[in-house]
Amino acid sequence: MLLVPTYIAPSHIEGVGVFAAQPIKAGTLIWRHEPSFDRSFTREAVEQMGPVQRDYVERYGYTHMRDRNLVVVESDNGRFMNHSENPNTDFTRPDCGHAIRDIDAGEEITCDY
């Protein structure tokens, strides 16, 4: 669950991305895994889904960092976060993410996945 104001807009990385709606200072906690807000599915459950639902989970989901059998789908703008070789966030912990440098309002929020 994102903890900072964001919006979705066209991205030069791919399709759409998630952007900071206001400046974010380096070190700010920007995301926290919230089981009541972020859905988790077993790989078996994903395989049993219909093709439309499975495509959605495979596009917007990611493998849980501690339990490789789980796929997590965020229900907020976080699902639109794009990869960058030079990200402005750190998601190495499975339960939270931080800004690793100041992020300007209007700047795309990226991670290294």
C-alpha atoms as a PDB file:
ATOM      1  CA  MET A   1       0.000   0.000   0.000  1.00  0.00           C
ATOM      2  CA  LEU A   2       1.462   3.316  -1.058  1.00  0.00           C
ATOM      3  CA  LEU A   3       1.823   5.765   1.832  1.00  0.00           C
ATOM      4  CA  VAL A   4       2.448   8.900  -0.251  1.00  0.00           C
ATOM      5  CA  PRO A   5       0.106  10.750  -2.642  1.00  0.00           C
ATOM      6  CA  THR A   6       0.525   9.515  -6.223  1.00  0.00           C
ATOM      7  CA  TYR A   7      -1.158   9.607  -9.602  1.00  0.00           C
ATOM      8  CA  ILE A   8      -1.016   7.568 -12.803  1.00  0.00           C
ATOM      9  CA  ALA A   9       0.224   9.127 -16.049  1.00  0.00           C
ATOM     10  CA  PRO A  10       1.952   8.148 -19.303  1.00  0.00           C
ATOM     11  CA  SER A  11       5.475   6.851 -18.711  1.00  0.00           C
ATOM     12  CA  HIS A  12       8.508   7.086 -20.964  1.00  0.00           C
ATOM     13  CA  ILE A  13       9.566   3.689 -19.487  1.00  0.00           C
ATOM     14  CA  GLU A  14       6.438   1.731 -20.438  1.00  0.00           C
ATOM     15  CA  GLY A  15       2.778   2.547 -20.937  1.00  0.00           C
ATOM     16  CA  VAL A  16       1.771   4.216 -17.689  1.00  0.00           C
ATOM     17  CA  GLY A  17       3.611   4.701 -14.424  1.00  0.00           C
ATOM     18  CA  VAL A  18       3.057   5.953 -10.900  1.00  0.00           C
ATOM     19  CA  PHE A  19       4.164   9.527 -10.189  1.00  0.00           C
ATOM     20  CA  ALA A  20       4.753  11.534  -7.013  1.00  0.00           C
ATOM     21  CA  ALA A  21       1.920  14.002  -6.405  1.00  0.00           C
ATOM     22  CA  GLN A  22       4.131  16.008  -4.042  1.00  0.00           C
ATOM     23  CA  PRO A  23       7.858  16.100  -3.220  1.00  0.00           C
ATOM     24  CA  ILE A  24       9.154  13.053  -1.315  1.00  0.00           C
ATOM     25  CA  LYS A  25      12.278  13.364   0.836  1.00  0.00           C
ATOM     26  CA  ALA A  26      15.027  10.730   0.764  1.00  0.00           C
ATOM     27  CA  GLY A  27      14.456   8.128   3.464  1.00  0.00           C
ATOM     28  CA  THR A  28      10.659   8.521   3.469  1.00  0.00           C
ATOM     29  CA  LEU A  29       8.701   5.303   3.912  1.00  0.00           C
ATOM     30  CA  ILE A  30       6.613   5.263   0.730  1.00  0.00           C
ATOM     31  CA  TRP A  31       5.125   1.751   0.749  1.00  0.00           C
ATOM     32  CA  ARG A  32       4.210  -0.913   3.264  1.00  0.00           C
ATOM     33  CA  HIS A  33       2.872  -4.407   2.552  1.00  0.00           C
ATOM     34  CA  GLU A  34      -0.649  -4.386   3.937  1.00  0.00           C
ATOM     35  CA  PRO A  35      -2.250  -7.863   3.747  1.00  0.00           C
ATOM     36  CA  SER A  36      -5.738  -6.419   4.189  1.00  0.00           C
ATOM     37  CA  PHE A  37      -5.143  -4.153   1.167  1.00  0.00           C
ATOM     38  CA  ASP A  38      -2.715  -6.125  -1.030  1.00  0.00           C
ATOM     39  CA  ARG A  39      -4.026  -9.471  -2.319  1.00  0.00           C
ATOM     40  CA  SER A  40      -1.865 -12.600  -2.227  1.00  0.00           C
ATOM     41  CA  PHE A  41      -2.499 -15.684  -4.350  1.00  0.00           C
ATOM     42  CA  THR A  42      -0.756 -19.045  -4.367  1.00  0.00           C
ATOM     43  CA  ARG A  43       0.792 -20.065  -7.675  1.00  0.00           C
ATOM     44  CA  GLU A  44      -1.728 -22.924  -7.784  1.00  0.00           C
ATOM     45  CA  ALA A  45      -4.627 -20.475  -7.419  1.00  0.00           C
ATOM     46  CA  VAL A  46      -3.234 -18.333 -10.257  1.00  0.00           C
ATOM     47  CA  GLU A  47      -2.945 -21.389 -12.505  1.00  0.00           C
ATOM     48  CA  GLN A  48      -6.607 -22.232 -11.842  1.00  0.00           C
ATOM     49  CA  MET A  49      -7.867 -18.743 -12.763  1.00  0.00           C
ATOM     50  CA  GLY A  50      -9.573 -18.007 -16.045  1.00  0.00           C
ATOM     51  CA  PRO A  51      -7.332 -16.531 -18.747  1.00  0.00           C
ATOM     52  CA  VAL A  52      -8.417 -12.899 -18.223  1.00  0.00           C
ATOM     53  CA  GLN A  53      -7.893 -13.006 -14.445  1.00  0.00           C
ATOM     54  CA  ARG A  54      -4.589 -14.913 -14.790  1.00  0.00           C
ATOM     55  CA  ASP A  55      -3.299 -12.365 -17.341  1.00  0.00           C
ATOM     56  CA  TYR A  56      -4.154  -9.539 -14.923  1.00  0.00           C
ATOM     57  CA  VAL A  57      -2.367 -11.200 -11.987  1.00  0.00           C
ATOM     58  CA  GLU A  58       0.661 -12.035 -14.125  1.00  0.00           C
ATOM     59  CA  ARG A  59       0.855  -8.463 -15.480  1.00  0.00           C
ATOM     60  CA  TYR A  60       0.369  -6.571 -12.221  1.00  0.00           C
ATOM     61  CA  GLY A  61       1.481  -9.107  -9.621  1.00  0.00           C
ATOM     62  CA  TYR A  62       4.926  -9.904  -8.314  1.00  0.00           C
ATOM     63  CA  THR A  63       6.456 -12.839  -6.479  1.00  0.00           C
ATOM     64  CA  HIS A  64       6.513 -12.346  -2.714  1.00  0.00           C
ATOM     65  CA  MET A  65      10.127 -11.933  -1.585  1.00  0.00           C
ATOM     66  CA  ARG A  66       9.872 -14.329   1.375  1.00  0.00           C
ATOM     67  CA  ASP A  67       7.412 -16.914   0.023  1.00  0.00           C
ATOM     68  CA  ARG A  68       8.158 -17.668  -3.637  1.00  0.00           C
ATOM     69  CA  ASN A  69       4.856 -19.581  -3.889  1.00  0.00           C
ATOM     70  CA  LEU A  70       2.842 -16.377  -3.402  1.00  0.00           C
ATOM     71  CA  VAL A  71       1.989 -13.738  -5.977  1.00  0.00           C
ATOM     72  CA  VAL A  72       1.024 -10.311  -4.588  1.00  0.00           C
ATOM     73  CA  VAL A  73      -1.236  -7.861  -6.424  1.00  0.00           C
ATOM     74  CA  GLU A  74      -1.409  -4.358  -5.030  1.00  0.00           C
ATOM     75  CA  SER A  75      -4.836  -2.757  -5.121  1.00  0.00           C
ATOM     76  CA  ASP A  76      -3.563   0.825  -5.407  1.00  0.00           C
ATOM     77  CA  ASN A  77      -1.346   2.762  -7.808  1.00  0.00           C
ATOM     78  CA  GLY A  78       1.664   0.704  -6.735  1.00  0.00           C
ATOM     79  CA  ARG A  79       0.776  -1.897  -9.360  1.00  0.00           C
ATOM     80  CA  PHE A  80       1.856   0.610 -12.022  1.00  0.00           C
ATOM     81  CA  MET A  81       5.400   1.065 -10.710  1.00  0.00           C
ATOM     82  CA  ASN A  82       7.973   0.527 -13.444  1.00  0.00           C
ATOM     83  CA  HIS A  83      11.470  -0.908 -13.317  1.00  0.00           C
ATOM     84  CA  SER A  84      14.549   1.268 -13.595  1.00  0.00           C
ATOM     85  CA  GLU A  85      18.258   0.453 -13.616  1.00  0.00           C
ATOM     86  CA  ASN A  86      18.622   3.668 -11.597  1.00  0.00           C
ATOM     87  CA  PRO A  87      15.566   3.540  -9.274  1.00  0.00           C
ATOM     88  CA  ASN A  88      14.594   6.239  -6.806  1.00  0.00           C
ATOM     89  CA  THR A  89      13.275   3.709  -4.254  1.00  0.00           C
ATOM     90  CA  ASP A  90      14.572   0.692  -2.359  1.00  0.00           C
ATOM     91  CA  PHE A  91      12.332  -2.364  -2.018  1.00  0.00           C
ATOM     92  CA  THR A  92      14.925  -4.871  -0.815  1.00  0.00           C
ATOM     93  CA  ARG A  93      12.840  -5.499   2.313  1.00  0.00           C
ATOM     94  CA  PRO A  94       9.662  -7.468   1.549  1.00  0.00           C
ATOM     95  CA  ASP A  95       7.515  -5.455   3.953  1.00  0.00           C
ATOM     96  CA  CYS A  96       8.344  -1.863   3.024  1.00  0.00           C
ATOM     97  CA  GLY A  97       9.896   0.507   0.508  1.00  0.00           C
ATOM     98  CA  HIS A  98      11.770   3.807   0.974  1.00  0.00           C
ATOM     99  CA  ALA A  99      12.806   6.732  -1.195  1.00  0.00           C
ATOM    100  CA  ILE A 100      16.579   6.504  -1.655  1.00  0.00           C
ATOM    101  CA  ARG A 101      16.871  10.094  -2.863  1.00  0.00           C
ATOM    102  CA  ASP A 102      14.612  13.116  -3.016  1.00  0.00           C
ATOM    103  CA  ILE A 103      11.798  12.598  -5.526  1.00  0.00           C
ATOM    104  CA  ASP A 104      10.294  15.691  -7.142  1.00  0.00           C
ATOM    105  CA  ALA A 105       6.553  16.233  -7.525  1.00  0.00           C
ATOM    106  CA  GLY A 106       5.665  14.955 -10.991  1.00  0.00           C
ATOM    107  CA  GLU A 107       8.588  12.526 -11.093  1.00  0.00           C
ATOM    108  CA  GLU A 108       7.947   8.858 -11.852  1.00  0.00           C
ATOM    109  CA  ILE A 109       8.499   6.562  -8.865  1.00  0.00           C
ATOM    110  CA  THR A 110      10.584   3.566  -9.928  1.00  0.00           C
ATOM    111  CA  CYS A 111      12.079   0.446  -8.402  1.00  0.00           C
ATOM    112  CA  ASP A 112      14.583  -2.238  -9.384  1.00  0.00           C
ATOM    113  CA  TYR A 113      12.725  -5.519  -9.717  1.00  0.00           C
END
